[in-house]
Amino acid sequence: MVRISIESLKTLGNPEYVTILVNESSNQISFLPSAKTDKAALMVKYDKLRTNRGMMIYSCNLVRKIFDIEGWDHEYRYRIPGHYYEEANVIYFDLKKAHKVEHNELLFTKGD
């Protein structure tokens, strides 16, 4: 599962759709506002979002690709700090800056 926080969606302007881009050569993933016409677009269902969890994306292929890029241990979850690039209205995450999160560690905190 990949999670886009409520704060990230707000930063992007509360888009109706988002697209996730994976750049294997730079080891980054990015979230950007999108349109329904984009084949890769994911609809953001704000009425179903939980305020402390954000948007959940359940894609085995996406998760597998991210884990394979970095050679991550499947026994762990990872948290990646994001950076907002205002000129392009995109949030990107450098996979090299991820840190392990134990399965029993609290993943969703207030304001996260």
PDB file of N, CA and C in Angstrom:
ATOM      1  N   MET A   1       0.834  -1.171   0.000  1.00  0.00           N
ATOM      2  CA  MET A   1       0.000   0.000   0.000  1.00  0.00           C
ATOM      3  C   MET A   1       0.886   1.244   0.000  1.00  0.00           C
ATOM      4  N   VAL A   2       0.463   2.236  -0.739  1.00  0.00           N
ATOM      5  CA  VAL A   2       1.112   3.542  -0.761  1.00  0.00           C
ATOM      6  C   VAL A   2       0.071   4.532  -0.251  1.00  0.00           C
ATOM      7  N   ARG A   3       0.513   5.444   0.617  1.00  0.00           N
ATOM      8  CA  ARG A   3      -0.428   6.403   1.201  1.00  0.00           C
ATOM      9  C   ARG A   3      -0.019   7.817   0.823  1.00  0.00           C
ATOM     10  N   ILE A   4      -1.005   8.607   0.386  1.00  0.00           N
ATOM     11  CA  ILE A   4      -0.813  10.034   0.139  1.00  0.00           C
ATOM     12  C   ILE A   4      -1.533  10.746   1.276  1.00  0.00           C
ATOM     13  N   SER A   5      -0.800  11.511   2.056  1.00  0.00           N
ATOM     14  CA  SER A   5      -1.403  12.152   3.218  1.00  0.00           C
ATOM     15  C   SER A   5      -2.379  13.254   2.810  1.00  0.00           C
ATOM     16  N   ILE A   6      -3.274  13.578   3.729  1.00  0.00           N
ATOM     17  CA  ILE A   6      -4.218  14.678   3.532  1.00  0.00           C
ATOM     18  C   ILE A   6      -3.446  15.979   3.275  1.00  0.00           C
ATOM     19  N   GLU A   7      -2.380  16.190   4.034  1.00  0.00           N
ATOM     20  CA  GLU A   7      -1.579  17.404   3.864  1.00  0.00           C
ATOM     21  C   GLU A   7      -0.970  17.486   2.463  1.00  0.00           C
ATOM     22  N   SER A   8      -0.534  16.351   1.938  1.00  0.00           N
ATOM     23  CA  SER A   8       0.015  16.342   0.576  1.00  0.00           C
ATOM     24  C   SER A   8      -1.060  16.716  -0.440  1.00  0.00           C
ATOM     25  N   LEU A   9      -2.252  16.171  -0.269  1.00  0.00           N
ATOM     26  CA  LEU A   9      -3.352  16.511  -1.180  1.00  0.00           C
ATOM     27  C   LEU A   9      -3.710  17.991  -1.082  1.00  0.00           C
ATOM     28  N   LYS A  10      -3.731  18.535   0.129  1.00  0.00           N
ATOM     29  CA  LYS A  10      -4.003  19.965   0.309  1.00  0.00           C
ATOM     30  C   LYS A  10      -2.928  20.801  -0.384  1.00  0.00           C
ATOM     31  N   THR A  11      -1.667  20.396  -0.223  1.00  0.00           N
ATOM     32  CA  THR A  11      -0.556  21.116  -0.834  1.00  0.00           C
ATOM     33  C   THR A  11      -0.699  21.153  -2.349  1.00  0.00           C
ATOM     34  N   LEU A  12      -1.207  20.071  -2.924  1.00  0.00           N
ATOM     35  CA  LEU A  12      -1.396  19.994  -4.376  1.00  0.00           C
ATOM     36  C   LEU A  12      -2.663  20.712  -4.838  1.00  0.00           C
ATOM     37  N   GLY A  13      -3.404  21.297  -3.903  1.00  0.00           N
ATOM     38  CA  GLY A  13      -4.611  22.032  -4.279  1.00  0.00           C
ATOM     39  C   GLY A  13      -5.877  21.195  -4.267  1.00  0.00           C
ATOM     40  N   ASN A  14      -5.879  20.111  -3.499  1.00  0.00           N
ATOM     41  CA  ASN A  14      -7.034  19.201  -3.417  1.00  0.00           C
ATOM     42  C   ASN A  14      -7.532  18.763  -4.802  1.00  0.00           C
ATOM     43  N   PRO A  15      -6.662  18.144  -5.571  1.00  0.00           N
ATOM     44  CA  PRO A  15      -7.050  17.749  -6.936  1.00  0.00           C
ATOM     45  C   PRO A  15      -8.090  16.633  -6.933  1.00  0.00           C
ATOM     46  N   GLU A  16      -8.902  16.593  -7.989  1.00  0.00           N
ATOM     47  CA  GLU A  16      -9.875  15.514  -8.146  1.00  0.00           C
ATOM     48  C   GLU A  16      -9.182  14.210  -8.525  1.00  0.00           C
ATOM     49  N   TYR A  17      -8.056  14.347  -9.231  1.00  0.00           N
ATOM     50  CA  TYR A  17      -7.286  13.193  -9.674  1.00  0.00           C
ATOM     51  C   TYR A  17      -5.804  13.442  -9.426  1.00  0.00           C
ATOM     52  N   VAL A  18      -5.072  12.368  -9.145  1.00  0.00           N
ATOM     53  CA  VAL A  18      -3.620  12.446  -9.026  1.00  0.00           C
ATOM     54  C   VAL A  18      -2.996  11.352  -9.881  1.00  0.00           C
ATOM     55  N   THR A  19      -1.766  11.592 -10.273  1.00  0.00           N
ATOM     56  CA  THR A  19      -0.986  10.595 -10.997  1.00  0.00           C
ATOM     57  C   THR A  19       0.289  10.358 -10.205  1.00  0.00           C
ATOM     58  N   ILE A  20       0.704   9.108 -10.148  1.00  0.00           N
ATOM     59  CA  ILE A  20       1.947   8.739  -9.486  1.00  0.00           C
ATOM     60  C   ILE A  20       2.961   8.401 -10.571  1.00  0.00           C
ATOM     61  N   LEU A  21       4.106   9.049 -10.494  1.00  0.00           N
ATOM     62  CA  LEU A  21       5.182   8.761 -11.437  1.00  0.00           C
ATOM     63  C   LEU A  21       6.334   8.110 -10.682  1.00  0.00           C
ATOM     64  N   VAL A  22       6.916   7.094 -11.277  1.00  0.00           N
ATOM     65  CA  VAL A  22       8.067   6.414 -10.679  1.00  0.00           C
ATOM     66  C   VAL A  22       9.239   6.609 -11.629  1.00  0.00           C
ATOM     67  N   ASN A  23      10.315   7.204 -11.106  1.00  0.00           N
ATOM     68  CA  ASN A  23      11.518   7.426 -11.897  1.00  0.00           C
ATOM     69  C   ASN A  23      12.607   6.520 -11.332  1.00  0.00           C
ATOM     70  N   GLU A  24      12.835   5.418 -12.004  1.00  0.00           N
ATOM     71  CA  GLU A  24      13.812   4.439 -11.527  1.00  0.00           C
ATOM     72  C   GLU A  24      15.246   4.966 -11.587  1.00  0.00           C
ATOM     73  N   SER A  25      15.543   5.828 -12.554  1.00  0.00           N
ATOM     74  CA  SER A  25      16.921   6.308 -12.682  1.00  0.00           C
ATOM     75  C   SER A  25      17.297   7.302 -11.582  1.00  0.00           C
ATOM     76  N   SER A  26      16.322   8.046 -11.061  1.00  0.00           N
ATOM     77  CA  SER A  26      16.623   8.992  -9.984  1.00  0.00           C
ATOM     78  C   SER A  26      16.140   8.491  -8.629  1.00  0.00           C
ATOM     79  N   ASN A  27      15.553   7.296  -8.595  1.00  0.00           N
ATOM     80  CA  ASN A  27      15.040   6.700  -7.360  1.00  0.00           C
ATOM     81  C   ASN A  27      14.039   7.628  -6.670  1.00  0.00           C
ATOM     82  N   GLN A  28      13.092   8.124  -7.445  1.00  0.00           N
ATOM     83  CA  GLN A  28      12.077   9.011  -6.901  1.00  0.00           C
ATOM     84  C   GLN A  28      10.688   8.586  -7.355  1.00  0.00           C
ATOM     85  N   ILE A  29       9.720   8.888  -6.497  1.00  0.00           N
ATOM     86  CA  ILE A  29       8.325   8.798  -6.902  1.00  0.00           C
ATOM     87  C   ILE A  29       7.731  10.183  -6.723  1.00  0.00           C
ATOM     88  N   SER A  30       6.751  10.506  -7.549  1.00  0.00           N
ATOM     89  CA  SER A  30       6.138  11.831  -7.505  1.00  0.00           C
ATOM     90  C   SER A  30       4.630  11.706  -7.570  1.00  0.00           C
ATOM     91  N   PHE A  31       3.963  12.638  -6.910  1.00  0.00           N
ATOM     92  CA  PHE A  31       2.512  12.758  -6.986  1.00  0.00           C
ATOM     93  C   PHE A  31       2.213  14.121  -7.592  1.00  0.00           C
ATOM     94  N   LEU A  32       1.343  14.132  -8.599  1.00  0.00           N
ATOM     95  CA  LEU A  32       0.975  15.398  -9.195  1.00  0.00           C
ATOM     96  C   LEU A  32      -0.504  15.407  -9.538  1.00  0.00           C
ATOM     97  N   PRO A  33      -1.117  16.595  -9.530  1.00  0.00           N
ATOM     98  CA  PRO A  33      -2.525  16.682  -9.915  1.00  0.00           C
ATOM     99  C   PRO A  33      -2.683  16.209 -11.350  1.00  0.00           C
ATOM    100  N   SER A  34      -3.837  15.650 -11.634  1.00  0.00           N
ATOM    101  CA  SER A  34      -4.054  15.070 -12.942  1.00  0.00           C
ATOM    102  C   SER A  34      -5.487  15.346 -13.385  1.00  0.00           C
ATOM    103  N   ALA A  35      -5.851  14.805 -14.526  1.00  0.00           N
ATOM    104  CA  ALA A  35      -7.204  14.942 -15.061  1.00  0.00           C
ATOM    105  C   ALA A  35      -7.784  13.556 -15.322  1.00  0.00           C
ATOM    106  N   LYS A  36      -9.071  13.496 -15.359  1.00  0.00           N
ATOM    107  CA  LYS A  36      -9.770  12.232 -15.607  1.00  0.00           C
ATOM    108  C   LYS A  36      -9.319  11.600 -16.927  1.00  0.00           C
ATOM    109  N   THR A  37      -8.936  12.422 -17.884  1.00  0.00           N
ATOM    110  CA  THR A  37      -8.532  11.924 -19.200  1.00  0.00           C
ATOM    111  C   THR A  37      -7.163  11.246 -19.196  1.00  0.00           C
ATOM    112  N   ASP A  38      -6.371  11.462 -18.154  1.00  0.00           N
ATOM    113  CA  ASP A  38      -5.057  10.817 -18.038  1.00  0.00           C
ATOM    114  C   ASP A  38      -5.283   9.350 -17.695  1.00  0.00           C
ATOM    115  N   LYS A  39      -4.765   8.459 -18.512  1.00  0.00           N
ATOM    116  CA  LYS A  39      -4.962   7.016 -18.294  1.00  0.00           C
ATOM    117  C   LYS A  39      -4.387   6.525 -16.970  1.00  0.00           C
ATOM    118  N   ALA A  40      -3.400   7.230 -16.441  1.00  0.00           N
ATOM    119  CA  ALA A  40      -2.772   6.825 -15.183  1.00  0.00           C
ATOM    120  C   ALA A  40      -3.406   7.517 -13.970  1.00  0.00           C
ATOM    121  N   ALA A  41      -4.415   8.342 -14.211  1.00  0.00           N
ATOM    122  CA  ALA A  41      -5.011   9.134 -13.129  1.00  0.00           C
ATOM    123  C   ALA A  41      -5.769   8.252 -12.137  1.00  0.00           C
ATOM    124  N   LEU A  42      -5.637   8.632 -10.867  1.00  0.00           N
ATOM    125  CA  LEU A  42      -6.373   7.985  -9.787  1.00  0.00           C
ATOM    126  C   LEU A  42      -7.329   9.011  -9.188  1.00  0.00           C
ATOM    127  N   MET A  43      -8.590   8.653  -9.075  1.00  0.00           N
ATOM    128  CA  MET A  43      -9.573   9.567  -8.508  1.00  0.00           C
ATOM    129  C   MET A  43      -9.382   9.662  -6.996  1.00  0.00           C
ATOM    130  N   VAL A  44      -9.409  10.887  -6.485  1.00  0.00           N
ATOM    131  CA  VAL A  44      -9.324  11.106  -5.044  1.00  0.00           C
ATOM    132  C   VAL A  44     -10.752  11.192  -4.520  1.00  0.00           C
ATOM    133  N   LYS A  45     -11.112  10.253  -3.690  1.00  0.00           N
ATOM    134  CA  LYS A  45     -12.472  10.208  -3.133  1.00  0.00           C
ATOM    135  C   LYS A  45     -12.446  10.843  -1.749  1.00  0.00           C
ATOM    136  N   TYR A  46     -12.551  12.167  -1.735  1.00  0.00           N
ATOM    137  CA  TYR A  46     -12.425  12.920  -0.485  1.00  0.00           C
ATOM    138  C   TYR A  46     -13.463  12.510   0.545  1.00  0.00           C
ATOM    139  N   ASP A  47     -14.643  12.137   0.103  1.00  0.00           N
ATOM    140  CA  ASP A  47     -15.698  11.748   1.051  1.00  0.00           C
ATOM    141  C   ASP A  47     -15.365  10.445   1.769  1.00  0.00           C
ATOM    142  N   LYS A  48     -14.432   9.679   1.243  1.00  0.00           N
ATOM    143  CA  LYS A  48     -14.056   8.405   1.874  1.00  0.00           C
ATOM    144  C   LYS A  48     -12.709   8.451   2.586  1.00  0.00           C
ATOM    145  N   LEU A  49     -12.019   9.592   2.519  1.00  0.00           N
ATOM    146  CA  LEU A  49     -10.715   9.703   3.161  1.00  0.00           C
ATOM    147  C   LEU A  49     -10.881   9.792   4.669  1.00  0.00           C
ATOM    148  N   ARG A  50     -10.026   9.095   5.368  1.00  0.00           N
ATOM    149  CA  ARG A  50      -9.966   9.225   6.822  1.00  0.00           C
ATOM    150  C   ARG A  50      -8.958  10.313   7.126  1.00  0.00           C
ATOM    151  N   THR A  51      -9.345  11.248   7.972  1.00  0.00           N
ATOM    152  CA  THR A  51      -8.517  12.433   8.189  1.00  0.00           C
ATOM    153  C   THR A  51      -7.112  12.129   8.679  1.00  0.00           C
ATOM    154  N   ASN A  52      -6.921  11.023   9.359  1.00  0.00           N
ATOM    155  CA  ASN A  52      -5.575  10.730   9.864  1.00  0.00           C
ATOM    156  C   ASN A  52      -4.796   9.781   8.960  1.00  0.00           C
ATOM    157  N   ARG A  53      -5.392   9.352   7.867  1.00  0.00           N
ATOM    158  CA  ARG A  53      -4.685   8.388   7.020  1.00  0.00           C
ATOM    159  C   ARG A  53      -4.474   8.846   5.589  1.00  0.00           C
ATOM    160  N   GLY A  54      -5.319   9.664   5.061  1.00  0.00           N
ATOM    161  CA  GLY A  54      -5.154  10.115   3.690  1.00  0.00           C
ATOM    162  C   GLY A  54      -5.672   9.103   2.686  1.00  0.00           C
ATOM    163  N   MET A  55      -5.148   9.183   1.484  1.00  0.00           N
ATOM    164  CA  MET A  55      -5.575   8.325   0.378  1.00  0.00           C
ATOM    165  C   MET A  55      -4.685   7.091   0.327  1.00  0.00           C
ATOM    166  N   MET A  56      -5.308   5.940   0.375  1.00  0.00           N
ATOM    167  CA  MET A  56      -4.577   4.680   0.293  1.00  0.00           C
ATOM    168  C   MET A  56      -4.637   4.153  -1.145  1.00  0.00           C
ATOM    169  N   ILE A  57      -3.500   3.720  -1.637  1.00  0.00           N
ATOM    170  CA  ILE A  57      -3.421   3.134  -2.976  1.00  0.00           C
ATOM    171  C   ILE A  57      -2.937   1.704  -2.808  1.00  0.00           C
ATOM    172  N   TYR A  58      -3.803   0.781  -3.160  1.00  0.00           N
ATOM    173  CA  TYR A  58      -3.484  -0.637  -3.019  1.00  0.00           C
ATOM    174  C   TYR A  58      -3.091  -1.181  -4.387  1.00  0.00           C
ATOM    175  N   SER A  59      -1.814  -1.178  -4.648  1.00  0.00           N
ATOM    176  CA  SER A  59      -1.297  -1.670  -5.920  1.00  0.00           C
ATOM    177  C   SER A  59      -0.062  -2.510  -5.649  1.00  0.00           C
ATOM    178  N   CYS A  60      -0.212  -3.817  -5.789  1.00  0.00           N
ATOM    179  CA  CYS A  60       0.932  -4.714  -5.579  1.00  0.00           C
ATOM    180  C   CYS A  60       2.057  -4.395  -6.552  1.00  0.00           C
ATOM    181  N   ASN A  61       1.710  -4.082  -7.793  1.00  0.00           N
ATOM    182  CA  ASN A  61       2.735  -3.781  -8.794  1.00  0.00           C
ATOM    183  C   ASN A  61       3.529  -2.541  -8.426  1.00  0.00           C
ATOM    184  N   LEU A  62       2.847  -1.496  -7.960  1.00  0.00           N
ATOM    185  CA  LEU A  62       3.539  -0.270  -7.561  1.00  0.00           C
ATOM    186  C   LEU A  62       4.444  -0.523  -6.365  1.00  0.00           C
ATOM    187  N   VAL A  63       3.928  -1.179  -5.360  1.00  0.00           N
ATOM    188  CA  VAL A  63       4.723  -1.462  -4.157  1.00  0.00           C
ATOM    189  C   VAL A  63       5.917  -2.341  -4.510  1.00  0.00           C
ATOM    190  N   ARG A  64       5.700  -3.366  -5.302  1.00  0.00           N
ATOM    191  CA  ARG A  64       6.792  -4.263  -5.711  1.00  0.00           C
ATOM    192  C   ARG A  64       7.869  -3.491  -6.460  1.00  0.00           C
ATOM    193  N   LYS A  65       7.453  -2.597  -7.360  1.00  0.00           N
ATOM    194  CA  LYS A  65       8.414  -1.813  -8.135  1.00  0.00           C
ATOM    195  C   LYS A  65       9.257  -0.936  -7.211  1.00  0.00           C
ATOM    196  N   ILE A  66       8.613  -0.263  -6.265  1.00  0.00           N
ATOM    197  CA  ILE A  66       9.334   0.604  -5.335  1.00  0.00           C
ATOM    198  C   ILE A  66      10.312  -0.214  -4.492  1.00  0.00           C
ATOM    199  N   PHE A  67       9.856  -1.345  -3.971  1.00  0.00           N
ATOM    200  CA  PHE A  67      10.734  -2.193  -3.149  1.00  0.00           C
ATOM    201  C   PHE A  67      11.910  -2.720  -3.971  1.00  0.00           C
ATOM    202  N   ASP A  68      11.645  -3.092  -5.216  1.00  0.00           N
ATOM    203  CA  ASP A  68      12.708  -3.617  -6.070  1.00  0.00           C
ATOM    204  C   ASP A  68      13.750  -2.556  -6.416  1.00  0.00           C
ATOM    205  N   ILE A  69      13.311  -1.321  -6.642  1.00  0.00           N
ATOM    206  CA  ILE A  69      14.240  -0.245  -6.974  1.00  0.00           C
ATOM    207  C   ILE A  69      15.285  -0.087  -5.873  1.00  0.00           C
ATOM    208  N   GLU A  70      14.822  -0.144  -4.633  1.00  0.00           N
ATOM    209  CA  GLU A  70      15.720   0.089  -3.497  1.00  0.00           C
ATOM    210  C   GLU A  70      16.235  -1.190  -2.845  1.00  0.00           C
ATOM    211  N   GLY A  71      15.708  -2.339  -3.217  1.00  0.00           N
ATOM    212  CA  GLY A  71      16.114  -3.585  -2.585  1.00  0.00           C
ATOM    213  C   GLY A  71      15.683  -3.654  -1.125  1.00  0.00           C
ATOM    214  N   TRP A  72      14.519  -3.098  -0.838  1.00  0.00           N
ATOM    215  CA  TRP A  72      14.023  -3.042   0.535  1.00  0.00           C
ATOM    216  C   TRP A  72      13.602  -4.403   1.061  1.00  0.00           C
ATOM    217  N   ASP A  73      13.651  -4.544   2.347  1.00  0.00           N
ATOM    218  CA  ASP A  73      13.244  -5.744   3.070  1.00  0.00           C
ATOM    219  C   ASP A  73      11.716  -5.744   3.205  1.00  0.00           C
ATOM    220  N   HIS A  74      11.069  -6.797   2.735  1.00  0.00           N
ATOM    221  CA  HIS A  74       9.604  -6.890   2.760  1.00  0.00           C
ATOM    222  C   HIS A  74       9.046  -7.091   4.167  1.00  0.00           C
ATOM    223  N   GLU A  75       9.904  -7.300   5.127  1.00  0.00           N
ATOM    224  CA  GLU A  75       9.463  -7.442   6.514  1.00  0.00           C
ATOM    225  C   GLU A  75       9.190  -6.087   7.170  1.00  0.00           C
ATOM    226  N   TYR A  76       9.509  -5.023   6.481  1.00  0.00           N
ATOM    227  CA  TYR A  76       9.356  -3.681   7.041  1.00  0.00           C
ATOM    228  C   TYR A  76       8.444  -2.836   6.175  1.00  0.00           C
ATOM    229  N   ARG A  77       7.962  -1.765   6.777  1.00  0.00           N
ATOM    230  CA  ARG A  77       7.299  -0.691   6.057  1.00  0.00           C
ATOM    231  C   ARG A  77       8.299   0.445   6.016  1.00  0.00           C
ATOM    232  N   TYR A  78       8.100   1.367   5.083  1.00  0.00           N
ATOM    233  CA  TYR A  78       9.036   2.477   4.938  1.00  0.00           C
ATOM    234  C   TYR A  78       8.279   3.798   4.871  1.00  0.00           C
ATOM    235  N   ARG A  79       8.857   4.791   5.475  1.00  0.00           N
ATOM    236  CA  ARG A  79       8.324   6.150   5.415  1.00  0.00           C
ATOM    237  C   ARG A  79       9.344   6.990   4.660  1.00  0.00           C
ATOM    238  N   ILE A  80       8.840   7.801   3.721  1.00  0.00           N
ATOM    239  CA  ILE A  80       9.719   8.607   2.868  1.00  0.00           C
ATOM    240  C   ILE A  80       9.315  10.074   3.005  1.00  0.00           C
ATOM    241  N   PRO A  81      10.231  10.929   3.413  1.00  0.00           N
ATOM    242  CA  PRO A  81       9.882  12.354   3.497  1.00  0.00           C
ATOM    243  C   PRO A  81       9.661  12.930   2.097  1.00  0.00           C
ATOM    244  N   GLY A  82       8.652  13.773   1.977  1.00  0.00           N
ATOM    245  CA  GLY A  82       8.337  14.377   0.690  1.00  0.00           C
ATOM    246  C   GLY A  82       8.801  15.814   0.599  1.00  0.00           C
ATOM    247  N   HIS A  83       8.929  16.290  -0.620  1.00  0.00           N
ATOM    248  CA  HIS A  83       9.342  17.667  -0.892  1.00  0.00           C
ATOM    249  C   HIS A  83       8.409  18.238  -1.957  1.00  0.00           C
ATOM    250  N   TYR A  84       7.942  19.444  -1.724  1.00  0.00           N
ATOM    251  CA  TYR A  84       7.035  20.097  -2.663  1.00  0.00           C
ATOM    252  C   TYR A  84       7.818  21.012  -3.595  1.00  0.00           C
ATOM    253  N   TYR A  85       7.595  20.833  -4.885  1.00  0.00           N
ATOM    254  CA  TYR A  85       8.212  21.672  -5.910  1.00  0.00           C
ATOM    255  C   TYR A  85       7.111  22.563  -6.473  1.00  0.00           C
ATOM    256  N   GLU A  86       7.038  23.780  -5.937  1.00  0.00           N
ATOM    257  CA  GLU A  86       5.917  24.679  -6.220  1.00  0.00           C
ATOM    258  C   GLU A  86       5.756  25.012  -7.701  1.00  0.00           C
ATOM    259  N   GLU A  87       6.855  25.267  -8.393  1.00  0.00           N
ATOM    260  CA  GLU A  87       6.781  25.673  -9.806  1.00  0.00           C
ATOM    261  C   GLU A  87       6.063  24.633 -10.668  1.00  0.00           C
ATOM    262  N   ALA A  88       6.194  23.368 -10.317  1.00  0.00           N
ATOM    263  CA  ALA A  88       5.569  22.298 -11.094  1.00  0.00           C
ATOM    264  C   ALA A  88       4.335  21.722 -10.395  1.00  0.00           C
ATOM    265  N   ASN A  89       4.047  22.195  -9.179  1.00  0.00           N
ATOM    266  CA  ASN A  89       2.951  21.672  -8.359  1.00  0.00           C
ATOM    267  C   ASN A  89       3.025  20.147  -8.266  1.00  0.00           C
ATOM    268  N   VAL A  90       4.157  19.683  -7.794  1.00  0.00           N
ATOM    269  CA  VAL A  90       4.404  18.252  -7.662  1.00  0.00           C
ATOM    270  C   VAL A  90       5.079  17.985  -6.319  1.00  0.00           C
ATOM    271  N   ILE A  91       4.739  16.865  -5.724  1.00  0.00           N
ATOM    272  CA  ILE A  91       5.422  16.417  -4.510  1.00  0.00           C
ATOM    273  C   ILE A  91       6.241  15.203  -4.898  1.00  0.00           C
ATOM    274  N   TYR A  92       7.524  15.249  -4.576  1.00  0.00           N
ATOM    275  CA  TYR A  92       8.380  14.112  -4.922  1.00  0.00           C
ATOM    276  C   TYR A  92       9.008  13.534  -3.659  1.00  0.00           C
ATOM    277  N   PHE A  93       9.345  12.261  -3.757  1.00  0.00           N
ATOM    278  CA  PHE A  93       9.900  11.503  -2.638  1.00  0.00           C
ATOM    279  C   PHE A  93      11.148  10.801  -3.112  1.00  0.00           C
ATOM    280  N   ASP A  94      12.261  11.081  -2.427  1.00  0.00           N
ATOM    281  CA  ASP A  94      13.534  10.458  -2.746  1.00  0.00           C
ATOM    282  C   ASP A  94      13.599   9.133  -1.988  1.00  0.00           C
ATOM    283  N   LEU A  95      13.516   8.028  -2.699  1.00  0.00           N
ATOM    284  CA  LEU A  95      13.488   6.701  -2.077  1.00  0.00           C
ATOM    285  C   LEU A  95      14.744   6.420  -1.260  1.00  0.00           C
ATOM    286  N   LYS A  96      15.841   7.069  -1.607  1.00  0.00           N
ATOM    287  CA  LYS A  96      17.090   6.862  -0.860  1.00  0.00           C
ATOM    288  C   LYS A  96      17.009   7.442   0.560  1.00  0.00           C
ATOM    289  N   LYS A  97      16.028   8.310   0.818  1.00  0.00           N
ATOM    290  CA  LYS A  97      15.888   8.937   2.134  1.00  0.00           C
ATOM    291  C   LYS A  97      14.824   8.262   2.997  1.00  0.00           C
ATOM    292  N   ALA A  98      14.367   7.113   2.564  1.00  0.00           N
ATOM    293  CA  ALA A  98      13.352   6.374   3.324  1.00  0.00           C
ATOM    294  C   ALA A  98      13.953   5.793   4.597  1.00  0.00           C
ATOM    295  N   HIS A  99      13.100   5.614   5.586  1.00  0.00           N
ATOM    296  CA  HIS A  99      13.552   4.917   6.789  1.00  0.00           C
ATOM    297  C   HIS A  99      12.538   3.844   7.156  1.00  0.00           C
ATOM    298  N   LYS A 100      13.069   2.781   7.747  1.00  0.00           N
ATOM    299  CA  LYS A 100      12.244   1.629   8.121  1.00  0.00           C
ATOM    300  C   LYS A 100      11.307   1.997   9.255  1.00  0.00           C
ATOM    301  N   VAL A 101      10.120   1.413   9.200  1.00  0.00           N
ATOM    302  CA  VAL A 101       9.135   1.559  10.262  1.00  0.00           C
ATOM    303  C   VAL A 101       8.724   0.152  10.673  1.00  0.00           C
ATOM    304  N   GLU A 102       8.893  -0.175  11.932  1.00  0.00           N
ATOM    305  CA  GLU A 102       8.510  -1.491  12.422  1.00  0.00           C
ATOM    306  C   GLU A 102       7.001  -1.676  12.252  1.00  0.00           C
ATOM    307  N   HIS A 103       6.558  -2.900  11.992  1.00  0.00           N
ATOM    308  CA  HIS A 103       5.129  -3.167  11.801  1.00  0.00           C
ATOM    309  C   HIS A 103       4.301  -2.767  13.008  1.00  0.00           C
ATOM    310  N   ASN A 104       4.865  -2.869  14.187  1.00  0.00           N
ATOM    311  CA  ASN A 104       4.095  -2.536  15.380  1.00  0.00           C
ATOM    312  C   ASN A 104       4.222  -1.066  15.772  1.00  0.00           C
ATOM    313  N   GLU A 105       5.020  -0.300  15.026  1.00  0.00           N
ATOM    314  CA  GLU A 105       5.177   1.123  15.311  1.00  0.00           C
ATOM    315  C   GLU A 105       3.948   1.868  14.798  1.00  0.00           C
ATOM    316  N   LEU A 106       3.513   2.886  15.527  1.00  0.00           N
ATOM    317  CA  LEU A 106       2.374   3.683  15.117  1.00  0.00           C
ATOM    318  C   LEU A 106       2.708   4.356  13.793  1.00  0.00           C
ATOM    319  N   LEU A 107       1.899   4.085  12.783  1.00  0.00           N
ATOM    320  CA  LEU A 107       2.173   4.652  11.456  1.00  0.00           C
ATOM    321  C   LEU A 107       1.459   5.965  11.213  1.00  0.00           C
ATOM    322  N   PHE A 108       0.311   6.142  11.811  1.00  0.00           N
ATOM    323  CA  PHE A 108      -0.496   7.306  11.512  1.00  0.00           C
ATOM    324  C   PHE A 108      -0.633   8.150  12.768  1.00  0.00           C
ATOM    325  N   THR A 109       0.013   9.279  12.752  1.00  0.00           N
ATOM    326  CA  THR A 109      -0.046  10.172  13.896  1.00  0.00           C
ATOM    327  C   THR A 109      -0.795  11.426  13.511  1.00  0.00           C
ATOM    328  N   LYS A 110      -1.285  12.140  14.487  1.00  0.00           N
ATOM    329  CA  LYS A 110      -1.988  13.379  14.213  1.00  0.00           C
ATOM    330  C   LYS A 110      -1.069  14.318  13.457  1.00  0.00           C
ATOM    331  N   GLY A 111      -1.606  14.911  12.406  1.00  0.00           N
ATOM    332  CA  GLY A 111      -0.822  15.862  11.629  1.00  0.00           C
ATOM    333  C   GLY A 111       0.111  15.220  10.631  1.00  0.00           C
ATOM    334  N   ASP A 112       0.103  13.903  10.539  1.00  0.00           N
ATOM    335  CA  ASP A 112       0.992  13.196   9.618  1.00  0.00           C
ATOM    336  C   ASP A 112       0.352  13.138   8.250  1.00  0.00           C
TER     337      ASP A 112
END
